[in-house]
PDB file of N, CA and C in Angstrom:
ATOM      1  N   UNK A   1      -9.656  22.529 -10.743  1.00  0.00           N
ATOM      2  CA  UNK A   1      -8.554  22.150  -9.870  1.00  0.00           C
ATOM      3  C   UNK A   1      -8.980  22.568  -8.463  1.00  0.00           C
ATOM      4  N   UNK A   2      -8.892  21.608  -7.544  1.00  0.00           N
ATOM      5  CA  UNK A   2      -9.144  21.910  -6.136  1.00  0.00           C
ATOM      6  C   UNK A   2      -7.841  21.671  -5.361  1.00  0.00           C
ATOM      7  N   UNK A   3      -7.468  22.674  -4.607  1.00  0.00           N
ATOM      8  CA  UNK A   3      -6.257  22.603  -3.787  1.00  0.00           C
ATOM      9  C   UNK A   3      -6.589  22.562  -2.320  1.00  0.00           C
ATOM     10  N   UNK A   4      -5.879  21.706  -1.609  1.00  0.00           N
ATOM     11  CA  UNK A   4      -6.090  21.548  -0.172  1.00  0.00           C
ATOM     12  C   UNK A   4      -4.725  21.514   0.533  1.00  0.00           C
ATOM     13  N   UNK A   5      -4.723  22.006   1.780  1.00  0.00           N
ATOM     14  CA  UNK A   5      -3.553  21.812   2.609  1.00  0.00           C
ATOM     15  C   UNK A   5      -3.508  20.334   2.992  1.00  0.00           C
ATOM     16  N   UNK A   6      -2.386  19.894   3.524  1.00  0.00           N
ATOM     17  CA  UNK A   6      -2.225  18.490   3.910  1.00  0.00           C
ATOM     18  C   UNK A   6      -3.289  18.123   4.924  1.00  0.00           C
ATOM     19  N   UNK A   7      -3.514  18.987   5.896  1.00  0.00           N
ATOM     20  CA  UNK A   7      -4.482  18.711   6.954  1.00  0.00           C
ATOM     21  C   UNK A   7      -5.890  18.625   6.367  1.00  0.00           C
ATOM     22  N   UNK A   8      -6.270  19.562   5.501  1.00  0.00           N
ATOM     23  CA  UNK A   8      -7.577  19.531   4.861  1.00  0.00           C
ATOM     24  C   UNK A   8      -7.784  18.280   4.046  1.00  0.00           C
ATOM     25  N   UNK A   9      -6.738  17.888   3.336  1.00  0.00           N
ATOM     26  CA  UNK A   9      -6.809  16.706   2.485  1.00  0.00           C
ATOM     27  C   UNK A   9      -7.034  15.460   3.322  1.00  0.00           C
ATOM     28  N   UNK A  10      -6.326  15.359   4.420  1.00  0.00           N
ATOM     29  CA  UNK A  10      -6.430  14.200   5.313  1.00  0.00           C
ATOM     30  C   UNK A  10      -7.847  14.169   5.931  1.00  0.00           C
ATOM     31  N   UNK A  11      -8.424  15.302   6.223  1.00  0.00           N
ATOM     32  CA  UNK A  11      -9.767  15.371   6.788  1.00  0.00           C
ATOM     33  C   UNK A  11     -10.786  14.989   5.783  1.00  0.00           C
ATOM     34  N   UNK A  12     -10.537  15.392   4.514  1.00  0.00           N
ATOM     35  CA  UNK A  12     -11.497  15.097   3.403  1.00  0.00           C
ATOM     36  C   UNK A  12     -11.492  13.609   3.055  1.00  0.00           C
ATOM     37  N   UNK A  13     -10.330  13.018   3.131  1.00  0.00           N
ATOM     38  CA  UNK A  13     -10.148  11.581   2.791  1.00  0.00           C
ATOM     39  C   UNK A  13      -9.558  10.860   4.000  1.00  0.00           C
ATOM     40  N   UNK A  14     -10.352  10.427   4.955  1.00  0.00           N
ATOM     41  CA  UNK A  14      -9.906   9.908   6.221  1.00  0.00           C
ATOM     42  C   UNK A  14      -8.991   8.673   6.106  1.00  0.00           C
ATOM     43  N   UNK A  15      -9.112   7.911   5.030  1.00  0.00           N
ATOM     44  CA  UNK A  15      -8.218   6.712   4.889  1.00  0.00           C
ATOM     45  C   UNK A  15      -6.796   7.149   4.602  1.00  0.00           C
ATOM     46  N   UNK A  16      -6.584   8.383   4.164  1.00  0.00           N
ATOM     47  CA  UNK A  16      -5.238   8.904   3.985  1.00  0.00           C
ATOM     48  C   UNK A  16      -4.872   9.661   5.258  1.00  0.00           C
ATOM     49  N   UNK A  17      -4.014   9.130   6.074  1.00  0.00           N
ATOM     50  CA  UNK A  17      -3.663   9.766   7.324  1.00  0.00           C
ATOM     51  C   UNK A  17      -2.734  10.961   7.081  1.00  0.00           C
ATOM     52  N   UNK A  18      -2.772  11.896   8.004  1.00  0.00           N
ATOM     53  CA  UNK A  18      -1.902  13.051   7.932  1.00  0.00           C
ATOM     54  C   UNK A  18      -0.447  12.646   7.837  1.00  0.00           C
ATOM     55  N   UNK A  19      -0.048  11.739   8.743  1.00  0.00           N
ATOM     56  CA  UNK A  19       1.348  11.270   8.737  1.00  0.00           C
ATOM     57  C   UNK A  19       1.724  10.538   7.421  1.00  0.00           C
ATOM     58  N   UNK A  20       0.807   9.733   6.920  1.00  0.00           N
ATOM     59  CA  UNK A  20       1.042   9.072   5.638  1.00  0.00           C
ATOM     60  C   UNK A  20       1.196  10.034   4.503  1.00  0.00           C
ATOM     61  N   UNK A  21       0.395  11.084   4.474  1.00  0.00           N
ATOM     62  CA  UNK A  21       0.534  12.103   3.419  1.00  0.00           C
ATOM     63  C   UNK A  21       1.878  12.849   3.553  1.00  0.00           C
ATOM     64  N   UNK A  22       2.226  13.196   4.759  1.00  0.00           N
ATOM     65  CA  UNK A  22       3.494  13.911   4.967  1.00  0.00           C
ATOM     66  C   UNK A  22       4.680  13.000   4.506  1.00  0.00           C
ATOM     67  N   UNK A  23       4.589  11.699   4.756  1.00  0.00           N
ATOM     68  CA  UNK A  23       5.606  10.771   4.336  1.00  0.00           C
ATOM     69  C   UNK A  23       5.719  10.769   2.796  1.00  0.00           C
ATOM     70  N   UNK A  24       4.566  10.675   2.139  1.00  0.00           N
ATOM     71  CA  UNK A  24       4.532  10.702   0.682  1.00  0.00           C
ATOM     72  C   UNK A  24       5.158  11.975   0.128  1.00  0.00           C
ATOM     73  N   UNK A  25       4.807  13.121   0.762  1.00  0.00           N
ATOM     74  CA  UNK A  25       5.361  14.420   0.330  1.00  0.00           C
ATOM     75  C   UNK A  25       6.843  14.493   0.598  1.00  0.00           C
ATOM     76  N   UNK A  26       7.285  14.015   1.735  1.00  0.00           N
ATOM     77  CA  UNK A  26       8.708  14.044   2.058  1.00  0.00           C
ATOM     78  C   UNK A  26       9.518  13.270   1.026  1.00  0.00           C
ATOM     79  N   UNK A  27       8.944  12.189   0.517  1.00  0.00           N
ATOM     80  CA  UNK A  27       9.637  11.315  -0.450  1.00  0.00           C
ATOM     81  C   UNK A  27       9.147  11.577  -1.872  1.00  0.00           C
ATOM     82  N   UNK A  28       8.593  12.739  -2.125  1.00  0.00           N
ATOM     83  CA  UNK A  28       7.977  13.009  -3.458  1.00  0.00           C
ATOM     84  C   UNK A  28       8.922  12.880  -4.624  1.00  0.00           C
ATOM     85  N   UNK A  29      10.217  13.081  -4.426  1.00  0.00           N
ATOM     86  CA  UNK A  29      11.148  12.972  -5.534  1.00  0.00           C
ATOM     87  C   UNK A  29      11.468  11.508  -5.877  1.00  0.00           C
ATOM     88  N   UNK A  30      11.341  10.641  -4.874  1.00  0.00           N
ATOM     89  CA  UNK A  30      11.610   9.245  -5.085  1.00  0.00           C
ATOM     90  C   UNK A  30      10.355   8.451  -5.584  1.00  0.00           C
ATOM     91  N   UNK A  31       9.190   8.894  -5.125  1.00  0.00           N
ATOM     92  CA  UNK A  31       7.981   8.135  -5.438  1.00  0.00           C
ATOM     93  C   UNK A  31       7.227   8.631  -6.658  1.00  0.00           C
ATOM     94  N   UNK A  32       7.691   9.729  -7.308  1.00  0.00           N
ATOM     95  CA  UNK A  32       7.051  10.234  -8.528  1.00  0.00           C
ATOM     96  C   UNK A  32       5.957  11.255  -8.242  1.00  0.00           C
ATOM     97  N   UNK A  33       5.677  11.549  -6.990  1.00  0.00           N
ATOM     98  CA  UNK A  33       4.609  12.516  -6.669  1.00  0.00           C
ATOM     99  C   UNK A  33       4.946  13.899  -7.171  1.00  0.00           C
ATOM    100  N   UNK A  34       6.247  14.270  -7.055  1.00  0.00           N
ATOM    101  CA  UNK A  34       6.675  15.608  -7.530  1.00  0.00           C
ATOM    102  C   UNK A  34       6.427  15.734  -9.064  1.00  0.00           C
ATOM    103  N   UNK A  35       6.828  14.710  -9.798  1.00  0.00           N
ATOM    104  CA  UNK A  35       6.705  14.745 -11.220  1.00  0.00           C
ATOM    105  C   UNK A  35       5.235  14.788 -11.694  1.00  0.00           C
ATOM    106  N   UNK A  36       4.306  14.308 -10.860  1.00  0.00           N
ATOM    107  CA  UNK A  36       2.936  14.296 -11.212  1.00  0.00           C
ATOM    108  C   UNK A  36       2.296  15.674 -11.168  1.00  0.00           C
ATOM    109  N   UNK A  37       2.935  16.599 -10.489  1.00  0.00           N
ATOM    110  CA  UNK A  37       2.386  17.955 -10.350  1.00  0.00           C
ATOM    111  C   UNK A  37       1.317  18.082  -9.306  1.00  0.00           C
ATOM    112  N   UNK A  38       1.191  17.062  -8.483  1.00  0.00           N
ATOM    113  CA  UNK A  38       0.125  17.069  -7.431  1.00  0.00           C
ATOM    114  C   UNK A  38       0.497  17.957  -6.239  1.00  0.00           C
ATOM    115  N   UNK A  39       1.756  18.254  -6.034  1.00  0.00           N
ATOM    116  CA  UNK A  39       2.196  19.038  -4.953  1.00  0.00           C
ATOM    117  C   UNK A  39       2.583  20.440  -5.407  1.00  0.00           C
ATOM    118  N   UNK A  40       2.009  21.429  -4.744  1.00  0.00           N
ATOM    119  CA  UNK A  40       2.302  22.789  -5.040  1.00  0.00           C
ATOM    120  C   UNK A  40       2.798  23.457  -3.766  1.00  0.00           C
ATOM    121  N   UNK A  41       3.908  24.144  -3.872  1.00  0.00           N
ATOM    122  CA  UNK A  41       4.457  24.818  -2.704  1.00  0.00           C
ATOM    123  C   UNK A  41       4.280  26.343  -2.869  1.00  0.00           C
ATOM    124  N   UNK A  42       3.740  26.966  -1.856  1.00  0.00           N
ATOM    125  CA  UNK A  42       3.558  28.400  -1.806  1.00  0.00           C
ATOM    126  C   UNK A  42       4.331  28.880  -0.587  1.00  0.00           C
ATOM    127  N   UNK A  43       5.583  29.215  -0.750  1.00  0.00           N
ATOM    128  CA  UNK A  43       6.376  29.529   0.431  1.00  0.00           C
ATOM    129  C   UNK A  43       6.587  28.264   1.240  1.00  0.00           C
ATOM    130  N   UNK A  44       6.222  28.262   2.488  1.00  0.00           N
ATOM    131  CA  UNK A  44       6.293  27.093   3.318  1.00  0.00           C
ATOM    132  C   UNK A  44       5.004  26.230   3.245  1.00  0.00           C
ATOM    133  N   UNK A  45       3.967  26.780   2.676  1.00  0.00           N
ATOM    134  CA  UNK A  45       2.702  26.069   2.616  1.00  0.00           C
ATOM    135  C   UNK A  45       2.757  25.014   1.476  1.00  0.00           C
ATOM    136  N   UNK A  46       2.278  23.826   1.806  1.00  0.00           N
ATOM    137  CA  UNK A  46       2.222  22.727   0.820  1.00  0.00           C
ATOM    138  C   UNK A  46       0.759  22.501   0.514  1.00  0.00           C
ATOM    139  N   UNK A  47       0.424  22.526  -0.794  1.00  0.00           N
ATOM    140  CA  UNK A  47      -0.927  22.295  -1.216  1.00  0.00           C
ATOM    141  C   UNK A  47      -0.963  21.044  -2.069  1.00  0.00           C
ATOM    142  N   UNK A  48      -2.091  20.343  -2.032  1.00  0.00           N
ATOM    143  CA  UNK A  48      -2.246  19.135  -2.828  1.00  0.00           C
ATOM    144  C   UNK A  48      -3.378  19.379  -3.832  1.00  0.00           C
ATOM    145  N   UNK A  49      -3.041  19.121  -5.119  1.00  0.00           N
ATOM    146  CA  UNK A  49      -4.045  19.136  -6.177  1.00  0.00           C
ATOM    147  C   UNK A  49      -4.773  17.789  -6.161  1.00  0.00           C
ATOM    148  N   UNK A  50      -6.069  17.779  -5.821  1.00  0.00           N
ATOM    149  CA  UNK A  50      -6.777  16.549  -5.608  1.00  0.00           C
ATOM    150  C   UNK A  50      -6.804  15.656  -6.838  1.00  0.00           C
ATOM    151  N   UNK A  51      -7.102  16.213  -7.976  1.00  0.00           N
ATOM    152  CA  UNK A  51      -7.204  15.392  -9.207  1.00  0.00           C
ATOM    153  C   UNK A  51      -5.861  14.774  -9.570  1.00  0.00           C
ATOM    154  N   UNK A  52      -4.804  15.543  -9.511  1.00  0.00           N
ATOM    155  CA  UNK A  52      -3.491  15.005  -9.862  1.00  0.00           C
ATOM    156  C   UNK A  52      -2.982  14.016  -8.868  1.00  0.00           C
ATOM    157  N   UNK A  53      -3.334  14.204  -7.577  1.00  0.00           N
ATOM    158  CA  UNK A  53      -2.937  13.255  -6.552  1.00  0.00           C
ATOM    159  C   UNK A  53      -3.553  11.885  -6.810  1.00  0.00           C
ATOM    160  N   UNK A  54      -4.836  11.874  -7.097  1.00  0.00           N
ATOM    161  CA  UNK A  54      -5.489  10.581  -7.292  1.00  0.00           C
ATOM    162  C   UNK A  54      -5.110   9.962  -8.653  1.00  0.00           C
ATOM    163  N   UNK A  55      -4.758  10.796  -9.637  1.00  0.00           N
ATOM    164  CA  UNK A  55      -4.219  10.208 -10.900  1.00  0.00           C
ATOM    165  C   UNK A  55      -2.883   9.551 -10.612  1.00  0.00           C
ATOM    166  N   UNK A  56      -2.031  10.185  -9.788  1.00  0.00           N
ATOM    167  CA  UNK A  56      -0.767   9.589  -9.402  1.00  0.00           C
ATOM    168  C   UNK A  56      -0.985   8.310  -8.630  1.00  0.00           C
ATOM    169  N   UNK A  57      -1.922   8.322  -7.681  1.00  0.00           N
ATOM    170  CA  UNK A  57      -2.189   7.155  -6.878  1.00  0.00           C
ATOM    171  C   UNK A  57      -2.709   5.982  -7.711  1.00  0.00           C
ATOM    172  N   UNK A  58      -3.570   6.284  -8.677  1.00  0.00           N
ATOM    173  CA  UNK A  58      -4.107   5.260  -9.582  1.00  0.00           C
ATOM    174  C   UNK A  58      -2.954   4.679 -10.441  1.00  0.00           C
ATOM    175  N   UNK A  59      -2.086   5.504 -10.944  1.00  0.00           N
ATOM    176  CA  UNK A  59      -0.957   5.078 -11.728  1.00  0.00           C
ATOM    177  C   UNK A  59      -0.017   4.150 -10.923  1.00  0.00           C
ATOM    178  N   UNK A  60       0.207   4.538  -9.676  1.00  0.00           N
ATOM    179  CA  UNK A  60       1.068   3.713  -8.792  1.00  0.00           C
ATOM    180  C   UNK A  60       0.430   2.374  -8.521  1.00  0.00           C
ATOM    181  N   UNK A  61      -0.863   2.333  -8.365  1.00  0.00           N
ATOM    182  CA  UNK A  61      -1.538   1.054  -8.073  1.00  0.00           C
ATOM    183  C   UNK A  61      -1.447   0.099  -9.257  1.00  0.00           C
ATOM    184  N   UNK A  62      -1.410   0.634 -10.480  1.00  0.00           N
ATOM    185  CA  UNK A  62      -1.288  -0.200 -11.666  1.00  0.00           C
ATOM    186  C   UNK A  62       0.094  -0.769 -11.811  1.00  0.00           C
ATOM    187  N   UNK A  63       1.112   0.003 -11.329  1.00  0.00           N
ATOM    188  CA  UNK A  63       2.498  -0.398 -11.467  1.00  0.00           C
ATOM    189  C   UNK A  63       2.981  -1.354 -10.363  1.00  0.00           C
ATOM    190  N   UNK A  64       2.213  -1.493  -9.303  1.00  0.00           N
ATOM    191  CA  UNK A  64       2.644  -2.358  -8.187  1.00  0.00           C
ATOM    192  C   UNK A  64       2.339  -3.819  -8.454  1.00  0.00           C
TER     193      UNK A  64
END
């Protein structure tokens, strides 16, 4: 499991913009991101589990 801050994740994957990631996280309860377990909160810090995030993204692309 690799965890990244939102900024680190956006830098690692440039096609995912910082603002776009924040939007996905803000709407995590509506878009299923929360249920996927890809978002981990440590106090105010938000971390993204890379493997779970891309599993969620792949699942969403199949459902669209």
